[in-house]
Structure formats: structure tokens, C-alpha cells
Amino acid sequence: MEEPLTEELLEELLAAPDPMTFVKEHKAGERSLPAYLQQLLAEKNLERIDVVHAAGLNETFGYQIFMGQRNPSRNKVLQLAFAMRLTVREANRLLQAAGANALYCKNRRDAIIIFCLNKGYALQKTDEELYRFGEDTIC
């Protein structure tokens, strides 16, 4: 399901008769991490267990994230993003659903992560790039 761009949503918000009409129509702020993870699994035809393994997460911990029983750190969410081969936009939506800061290109570490996501790098190669540039790795 292709989501509208932020610019398009802004235009709709500004044209709405009141903010609640917009919020109700777009269910703004209602995306939960487990719901978005399930949506991504379905859209990308992935299995939860495969994603958890590719992310290098403990199975129990991964299951708890997917069920909404644990709140993962930003790095754990990024591990899932790489395991699911998400786009930068999808990764930022996943981070937002988890209550974490979106990737910010003016931040050196985030810029490297954005580059790696965009190039389709695996998690291990991304960690190697972060290490090469003297930044904290994801794992």
C-alpha cells in the first residue's frame, strides 16, 4: 500500500475544514509498531522468523517486538529495517512507529545509514561502513 508523501498530506491538511477532519480521515498518529511490522511482512511477502534471524535478534525478543510486548531501541528497529530490506522512507516510518527519531541526513552516522539503506546494503556491510568511518555500529 503506497502511502502519500508528506507534502501531499500537508496540502490536504491545509485544505481541510478543521484538523480533526484530517486526523480522522488519515488516522494520523495511530500507526503502532506491531501493526506496521505486520503490514510490511505482508507487503514484502516475508516471514517473521526469517526477519528476526536476518536482523540478528534473539527469537524471543524479536517475537516480543512483533507482538508489541517490548519497546526496541532505535538500533534494534534499524536492524529490522535492514533485515526487511526497507527503503529509507519505510525505515523512517518504522522508526516513527517505534517512537524513535527518524534518520537525519545532517547527522554523520545517520547519513551513512541512509546511504547504505538506499544502496540495499545488508546489515553486516552497513556495520562495516559505520566502523570504517569511526561511527557506532548498529549491532
N, C-alpha and C. Protein backbone atom coordinates (compact mmCIF):
# COMPACT_ATOMS: atom_id res chain seq x y z
N MET A 1 0.84 -1.18 0.00
CA MET A 1 0.00 0.00 0.00
C MET A 1 0.88 1.24 0.00
N GLU A 2 0.85 1.99 -1.07
CA GLU A 2 1.68 3.18 -1.22
C GLU A 2 1.09 4.33 -0.41
N GLU A 3 1.90 4.89 0.46
CA GLU A 3 1.43 5.99 1.30
C GLU A 3 1.71 7.32 0.61
N PRO A 4 0.84 8.30 0.84
CA PRO A 4 1.06 9.61 0.23
C PRO A 4 2.29 10.28 0.82
N LEU A 5 2.88 11.14 0.05
CA LEU A 5 4.05 11.89 0.51
C LEU A 5 3.63 12.92 1.55
N THR A 6 4.57 13.30 2.39
CA THR A 6 4.29 14.28 3.43
C THR A 6 3.78 15.59 2.83
N GLU A 7 4.35 15.99 1.70
CA GLU A 7 3.94 17.23 1.05
C GLU A 7 2.47 17.16 0.63
N GLU A 8 2.05 16.00 0.13
CA GLU A 8 0.66 15.81 -0.28
C GLU A 8 -0.26 15.87 0.93
N LEU A 9 0.17 15.24 2.02
CA LEU A 9 -0.63 15.27 3.24
C LEU A 9 -0.74 16.69 3.79
N LEU A 10 0.34 17.44 3.71
CA LEU A 10 0.32 18.82 4.19
C LEU A 10 -0.70 19.64 3.41
N GLU A 11 -0.73 19.45 2.10
CA GLU A 11 -1.71 20.17 1.27
C GLU A 11 -3.14 19.82 1.69
N GLU A 12 -3.38 18.52 1.95
CA GLU A 12 -4.71 18.10 2.39
C GLU A 12 -5.06 18.69 3.75
N LEU A 13 -4.10 18.71 4.65
CA LEU A 13 -4.33 19.27 5.98
C LEU A 13 -4.69 20.74 5.88
N LEU A 14 -3.94 21.48 5.08
CA LEU A 14 -4.19 22.92 4.94
C LEU A 14 -5.53 23.21 4.27
N ALA A 15 -6.00 22.28 3.43
CA ALA A 15 -7.28 22.45 2.75
C ALA A 15 -8.47 21.94 3.57
N ALA A 16 -8.19 21.20 4.65
CA ALA A 16 -9.26 20.62 5.46
C ALA A 16 -10.01 21.72 6.22
N PRO A 17 -11.32 21.49 6.46
CA PRO A 17 -12.10 22.50 7.20
C PRO A 17 -11.66 22.64 8.66
N ASP A 18 -11.13 21.55 9.23
CA ASP A 18 -10.61 21.61 10.60
C ASP A 18 -9.63 20.44 10.76
N PRO A 19 -8.75 20.53 11.76
CA PRO A 19 -7.72 19.50 11.90
C PRO A 19 -8.28 18.11 12.20
N MET A 20 -9.38 18.02 12.94
CA MET A 20 -9.93 16.71 13.30
C MET A 20 -10.42 15.95 12.08
N THR A 21 -10.95 16.66 11.10
CA THR A 21 -11.40 16.00 9.87
C THR A 21 -10.21 15.30 9.22
N PHE A 22 -9.08 16.00 9.14
CA PHE A 22 -7.87 15.42 8.56
C PHE A 22 -7.38 14.24 9.38
N VAL A 23 -7.30 14.41 10.71
CA VAL A 23 -6.79 13.36 11.59
C VAL A 23 -7.65 12.10 11.48
N LYS A 24 -8.97 12.27 11.47
CA LYS A 24 -9.86 11.11 11.36
C LYS A 24 -9.72 10.42 10.01
N GLU A 25 -9.65 11.20 8.96
CA GLU A 25 -9.56 10.63 7.61
C GLU A 25 -8.27 9.85 7.40
N HIS A 26 -7.18 10.35 7.95
CA HIS A 26 -5.87 9.73 7.72
C HIS A 26 -5.39 8.91 8.90
N LYS A 27 -6.20 8.83 9.94
CA LYS A 27 -5.83 8.07 11.14
C LYS A 27 -4.43 8.47 11.61
N ALA A 28 -4.19 9.77 11.62
CA ALA A 28 -2.88 10.31 11.98
C ALA A 28 -2.50 9.90 13.40
N GLY A 29 -1.28 9.46 13.57
CA GLY A 29 -0.76 9.09 14.87
C GLY A 29 -1.23 7.75 15.40
N GLU A 30 -1.92 6.97 14.58
CA GLU A 30 -2.46 5.70 15.05
C GLU A 30 -1.65 4.48 14.63
N ARG A 31 -0.55 4.67 13.95
CA ARG A 31 0.24 3.53 13.49
C ARG A 31 1.07 2.98 14.65
N SER A 32 0.85 1.74 14.96
CA SER A 32 1.65 1.11 16.01
C SER A 32 2.78 0.33 15.35
N LEU A 33 3.83 0.09 16.12
CA LEU A 33 4.95 -0.67 15.60
C LEU A 33 4.53 -2.08 15.17
N PRO A 34 3.81 -2.83 16.01
CA PRO A 34 3.41 -4.18 15.56
C PRO A 34 2.54 -4.16 14.31
N ALA A 35 1.63 -3.19 14.21
CA ALA A 35 0.77 -3.12 13.02
C ALA A 35 1.59 -2.82 11.77
N TYR A 36 2.54 -1.91 11.88
CA TYR A 36 3.34 -1.58 10.70
C TYR A 36 4.27 -2.74 10.34
N LEU A 37 4.82 -3.42 11.33
CA LEU A 37 5.65 -4.59 11.04
C LEU A 37 4.83 -5.66 10.31
N GLN A 38 3.61 -5.88 10.76
CA GLN A 38 2.76 -6.88 10.09
C GLN A 38 2.43 -6.45 8.67
N GLN A 39 2.17 -5.16 8.48
CA GLN A 39 1.90 -4.64 7.14
C GLN A 39 3.09 -4.87 6.22
N LEU A 40 4.28 -4.57 6.72
CA LEU A 40 5.49 -4.75 5.91
C LEU A 40 5.73 -6.22 5.58
N LEU A 41 5.51 -7.10 6.56
CA LEU A 41 5.66 -8.54 6.29
C LEU A 41 4.76 -8.96 5.15
N ALA A 42 3.51 -8.51 5.19
CA ALA A 42 2.55 -8.88 4.15
C ALA A 42 2.93 -8.28 2.80
N GLU A 43 3.29 -7.01 2.78
CA GLU A 43 3.63 -6.33 1.53
C GLU A 43 4.86 -6.93 0.87
N LYS A 44 5.83 -7.33 1.68
CA LYS A 44 7.09 -7.83 1.13
C LYS A 44 7.16 -9.35 1.12
N ASN A 45 6.05 -9.98 1.51
CA ASN A 45 5.96 -11.44 1.49
C ASN A 45 7.11 -12.07 2.29
N LEU A 46 7.27 -11.59 3.52
CA LEU A 46 8.33 -12.06 4.40
C LEU A 46 7.74 -12.83 5.56
N GLU A 47 8.55 -13.70 6.16
CA GLU A 47 8.17 -14.43 7.36
C GLU A 47 8.87 -13.80 8.56
N ARG A 48 8.12 -13.65 9.64
CA ARG A 48 8.65 -13.02 10.84
C ARG A 48 9.95 -13.67 11.29
N ILE A 49 9.97 -14.99 11.36
CA ILE A 49 11.15 -15.70 11.85
C ILE A 49 12.38 -15.42 10.99
N ASP A 50 12.18 -15.31 9.67
CA ASP A 50 13.30 -15.01 8.76
C ASP A 50 13.83 -13.59 9.01
N VAL A 51 12.91 -12.67 9.25
CA VAL A 51 13.31 -11.28 9.52
C VAL A 51 14.07 -11.20 10.84
N VAL A 52 13.56 -11.87 11.86
CA VAL A 52 14.21 -11.87 13.17
C VAL A 52 15.64 -12.43 13.06
N HIS A 53 15.78 -13.53 12.33
CA HIS A 53 17.11 -14.12 12.15
C HIS A 53 18.03 -13.19 11.36
N ALA A 54 17.51 -12.62 10.26
CA ALA A 54 18.33 -11.72 9.44
C ALA A 54 18.74 -10.47 10.21
N ALA A 55 17.90 -10.07 11.17
CA ALA A 55 18.21 -8.89 11.98
C ALA A 55 19.20 -9.22 13.09
N GLY A 56 19.47 -10.51 13.30
CA GLY A 56 20.39 -10.91 14.35
C GLY A 56 19.81 -10.77 15.74
N LEU A 57 18.49 -10.86 15.83
CA LEU A 57 17.82 -10.73 17.13
C LEU A 57 17.54 -12.10 17.74
N ASN A 58 17.53 -12.14 19.05
CA ASN A 58 17.09 -13.33 19.76
C ASN A 58 15.63 -13.57 19.37
N GLU A 59 15.26 -14.84 19.14
CA GLU A 59 13.90 -15.16 18.69
C GLU A 59 12.83 -14.66 19.64
N THR A 60 13.03 -14.85 20.93
CA THR A 60 12.03 -14.42 21.91
C THR A 60 11.88 -12.91 21.89
N PHE A 61 13.01 -12.21 21.88
CA PHE A 61 12.98 -10.75 21.85
C PHE A 61 12.31 -10.26 20.57
N GLY A 62 12.66 -10.85 19.44
CA GLY A 62 12.05 -10.48 18.16
C GLY A 62 10.55 -10.69 18.18
N TYR A 63 10.12 -11.82 18.69
CA TYR A 63 8.69 -12.12 18.78
C TYR A 63 8.00 -11.07 19.65
N GLN A 64 8.62 -10.69 20.76
CA GLN A 64 8.03 -9.70 21.65
C GLN A 64 7.91 -8.34 20.98
N ILE A 65 8.86 -7.98 20.13
CA ILE A 65 8.77 -6.73 19.38
C ILE A 65 7.57 -6.79 18.44
N PHE A 66 7.46 -7.88 17.69
CA PHE A 66 6.37 -8.02 16.72
C PHE A 66 5.00 -8.06 17.40
N MET A 67 4.95 -8.51 18.64
CA MET A 67 3.68 -8.60 19.38
C MET A 67 3.40 -7.33 20.19
N GLY A 68 4.33 -6.40 20.20
CA GLY A 68 4.15 -5.16 20.95
C GLY A 68 4.40 -5.30 22.44
N GLN A 69 5.09 -6.38 22.83
CA GLN A 69 5.36 -6.62 24.24
C GLN A 69 6.68 -5.99 24.70
N ARG A 70 7.52 -5.61 23.75
CA ARG A 70 8.81 -4.97 24.07
C ARG A 70 8.95 -3.73 23.19
N ASN A 71 9.55 -2.71 23.76
CA ASN A 71 9.86 -1.50 23.01
C ASN A 71 11.33 -1.54 22.62
N PRO A 72 11.62 -1.76 21.37
CA PRO A 72 13.01 -1.88 20.95
C PRO A 72 13.73 -0.53 20.90
N SER A 73 15.03 -0.60 21.03
CA SER A 73 15.86 0.60 20.87
C SER A 73 15.86 1.00 19.40
N ARG A 74 16.37 2.17 19.13
CA ARG A 74 16.46 2.66 17.75
C ARG A 74 17.31 1.70 16.91
N ASN A 75 18.42 1.22 17.49
CA ASN A 75 19.28 0.30 16.74
C ASN A 75 18.57 -1.01 16.41
N LYS A 76 17.78 -1.52 17.34
CA LYS A 76 17.04 -2.77 17.06
C LYS A 76 16.04 -2.56 15.93
N VAL A 77 15.40 -1.39 15.91
CA VAL A 77 14.47 -1.08 14.82
C VAL A 77 15.23 -1.00 13.49
N LEU A 78 16.42 -0.41 13.54
CA LEU A 78 17.24 -0.34 12.32
C LEU A 78 17.66 -1.74 11.86
N GLN A 79 17.96 -2.62 12.80
CA GLN A 79 18.28 -4.00 12.45
C GLN A 79 17.11 -4.62 11.69
N LEU A 80 15.90 -4.40 12.16
CA LEU A 80 14.72 -4.92 11.48
C LEU A 80 14.57 -4.28 10.09
N ALA A 81 14.83 -2.99 10.00
CA ALA A 81 14.72 -2.30 8.72
C ALA A 81 15.67 -2.91 7.68
N PHE A 82 16.89 -3.17 8.08
CA PHE A 82 17.84 -3.78 7.15
C PHE A 82 17.44 -5.21 6.83
N ALA A 83 16.97 -5.95 7.82
CA ALA A 83 16.56 -7.34 7.60
C ALA A 83 15.39 -7.42 6.63
N MET A 84 14.54 -6.41 6.63
CA MET A 84 13.37 -6.40 5.75
C MET A 84 13.67 -5.71 4.42
N ARG A 85 14.90 -5.21 4.28
CA ARG A 85 15.32 -4.51 3.05
C ARG A 85 14.40 -3.32 2.76
N LEU A 86 14.17 -2.51 3.78
CA LEU A 86 13.27 -1.37 3.64
C LEU A 86 13.94 -0.22 2.90
N THR A 87 13.11 0.61 2.31
CA THR A 87 13.59 1.86 1.72
C THR A 87 13.85 2.83 2.86
N VAL A 88 14.47 3.94 2.56
CA VAL A 88 14.71 4.96 3.57
C VAL A 88 13.37 5.46 4.12
N ARG A 89 12.43 5.69 3.25
CA ARG A 89 11.11 6.18 3.68
C ARG A 89 10.43 5.16 4.60
N GLU A 90 10.46 3.89 4.23
CA GLU A 90 9.86 2.84 5.06
C GLU A 90 10.58 2.72 6.40
N ALA A 91 11.90 2.81 6.37
CA ALA A 91 12.67 2.74 7.61
C ALA A 91 12.32 3.89 8.55
N ASN A 92 12.16 5.08 7.99
CA ASN A 92 11.78 6.22 8.82
C ASN A 92 10.38 6.05 9.39
N ARG A 93 9.48 5.49 8.62
CA ARG A 93 8.13 5.21 9.13
C ARG A 93 8.19 4.17 10.25
N LEU A 94 9.04 3.18 10.09
CA LEU A 94 9.19 2.16 11.12
C LEU A 94 9.76 2.78 12.40
N LEU A 95 10.76 3.63 12.25
CA LEU A 95 11.33 4.32 13.40
C LEU A 95 10.27 5.18 14.10
N GLN A 96 9.49 5.89 13.30
CA GLN A 96 8.44 6.73 13.87
C GLN A 96 7.42 5.88 14.62
N ALA A 97 7.02 4.75 14.05
CA ALA A 97 6.05 3.87 14.71
C ALA A 97 6.61 3.35 16.03
N ALA A 98 7.93 3.22 16.11
CA ALA A 98 8.57 2.73 17.33
C ALA A 98 8.83 3.86 18.34
N GLY A 99 8.51 5.08 17.94
CA GLY A 99 8.74 6.21 18.84
C GLY A 99 10.19 6.66 18.86
N ALA A 100 10.93 6.31 17.82
CA ALA A 100 12.35 6.69 17.73
C ALA A 100 12.52 7.82 16.72
N ASN A 101 13.65 8.48 16.80
CA ASN A 101 13.95 9.55 15.85
C ASN A 101 14.16 8.99 14.46
N ALA A 102 13.63 9.69 13.47
CA ALA A 102 13.85 9.32 12.07
C ALA A 102 15.32 9.55 11.72
N LEU A 103 15.75 8.92 10.66
CA LEU A 103 17.10 9.13 10.17
C LEU A 103 17.21 10.56 9.65
N TYR A 104 18.31 11.20 9.97
CA TYR A 104 18.51 12.62 9.67
C TYR A 104 19.81 12.77 8.91
N CYS A 105 19.72 13.23 7.67
CA CYS A 105 20.91 13.25 6.81
C CYS A 105 22.00 14.23 7.25
N LYS A 106 21.69 15.16 8.14
CA LYS A 106 22.73 16.06 8.65
C LYS A 106 23.52 15.45 9.79
N ASN A 107 23.08 14.28 10.25
CA ASN A 107 23.81 13.54 11.26
C ASN A 107 24.73 12.57 10.54
N ARG A 108 26.01 12.62 10.84
CA ARG A 108 27.01 11.81 10.11
C ARG A 108 26.66 10.32 10.12
N ARG A 109 26.38 9.76 11.28
CA ARG A 109 26.05 8.33 11.39
C ARG A 109 24.79 8.01 10.60
N ASP A 110 23.76 8.84 10.78
CA ASP A 110 22.51 8.62 10.06
C ASP A 110 22.72 8.73 8.55
N ALA A 111 23.57 9.65 8.12
CA ALA A 111 23.83 9.81 6.69
C ALA A 111 24.43 8.53 6.11
N ILE A 112 25.32 7.89 6.84
CA ILE A 112 25.91 6.63 6.38
C ILE A 112 24.83 5.55 6.32
N ILE A 113 23.97 5.50 7.33
CA ILE A 113 22.89 4.51 7.34
C ILE A 113 21.92 4.74 6.19
N ILE A 114 21.57 6.00 5.94
CA ILE A 114 20.69 6.33 4.82
C ILE A 114 21.31 5.87 3.51
N PHE A 115 22.60 6.17 3.32
CA PHE A 115 23.31 5.76 2.11
C PHE A 115 23.23 4.24 1.94
N CYS A 116 23.49 3.51 3.02
CA CYS A 116 23.51 2.05 2.96
C CYS A 116 22.11 1.48 2.69
N LEU A 117 21.09 2.04 3.31
CA LEU A 117 19.72 1.60 3.02
C LEU A 117 19.39 1.83 1.55
N ASN A 118 19.75 3.01 1.06
CA ASN A 118 19.46 3.36 -0.32
C ASN A 118 20.17 2.45 -1.32
N LYS A 119 21.38 2.02 -0.96
CA LYS A 119 22.16 1.15 -1.84
C LYS A 119 21.78 -0.32 -1.67
N GLY A 120 20.91 -0.62 -0.70
CA GLY A 120 20.49 -2.01 -0.48
C GLY A 120 21.52 -2.85 0.24
N TYR A 121 22.41 -2.19 0.98
CA TYR A 121 23.42 -2.94 1.72
C TYR A 121 22.77 -3.80 2.80
N ALA A 122 23.40 -4.92 3.09
CA ALA A 122 22.98 -5.77 4.19
C ALA A 122 23.43 -5.13 5.50
N LEU A 123 22.88 -5.61 6.58
CA LEU A 123 23.21 -5.08 7.91
C LEU A 123 24.70 -5.19 8.20
N GLN A 124 25.31 -6.32 7.89
CA GLN A 124 26.73 -6.52 8.18
C GLN A 124 27.59 -5.52 7.40
N LYS A 125 27.28 -5.31 6.12
CA LYS A 125 28.05 -4.36 5.32
C LYS A 125 27.85 -2.94 5.84
N THR A 126 26.66 -2.64 6.30
CA THR A 126 26.39 -1.32 6.87
C THR A 126 27.22 -1.11 8.13
N ASP A 127 27.25 -2.13 8.99
CA ASP A 127 28.08 -2.03 10.19
C ASP A 127 29.55 -1.84 9.83
N GLU A 128 30.01 -2.51 8.78
CA GLU A 128 31.39 -2.35 8.33
C GLU A 128 31.65 -0.92 7.87
N GLU A 129 30.68 -0.33 7.17
CA GLU A 129 30.83 1.05 6.71
C GLU A 129 30.85 2.01 7.91
N LEU A 130 29.96 1.79 8.86
CA LEU A 130 29.94 2.64 10.05
C LEU A 130 31.27 2.55 10.79
N TYR A 131 31.78 1.35 10.94
CA TYR A 131 33.05 1.13 11.63
C TYR A 131 34.19 1.82 10.87
N ARG A 132 34.17 1.69 9.55
CA ARG A 132 35.21 2.29 8.71
C ARG A 132 35.27 3.80 8.89
N PHE A 133 34.11 4.41 9.13
CA PHE A 133 34.05 5.86 9.31
C PHE A 133 34.12 6.29 10.77
N GLY A 134 34.39 5.32 11.66
CA GLY A 134 34.56 5.64 13.07
C GLY A 134 33.26 5.94 13.80
N GLU A 135 32.16 5.43 13.29
CA GLU A 135 30.85 5.64 13.92
C GLU A 135 30.42 4.38 14.67
N ASP A 136 29.52 4.54 15.63
CA ASP A 136 28.97 3.40 16.34
C ASP A 136 28.21 2.51 15.36
N THR A 137 28.45 1.21 15.46
CA THR A 137 27.75 0.27 14.60
C THR A 137 26.32 0.07 15.10
N ILE A 138 25.49 -0.54 14.28
CA ILE A 138 24.11 -0.80 14.65
C ILE A 138 24.04 -1.99 15.58
N CYS A 139 24.80 -3.04 15.29
CA CYS A 139 24.79 -4.25 16.13
C CYS A 139 25.95 -4.24 17.12
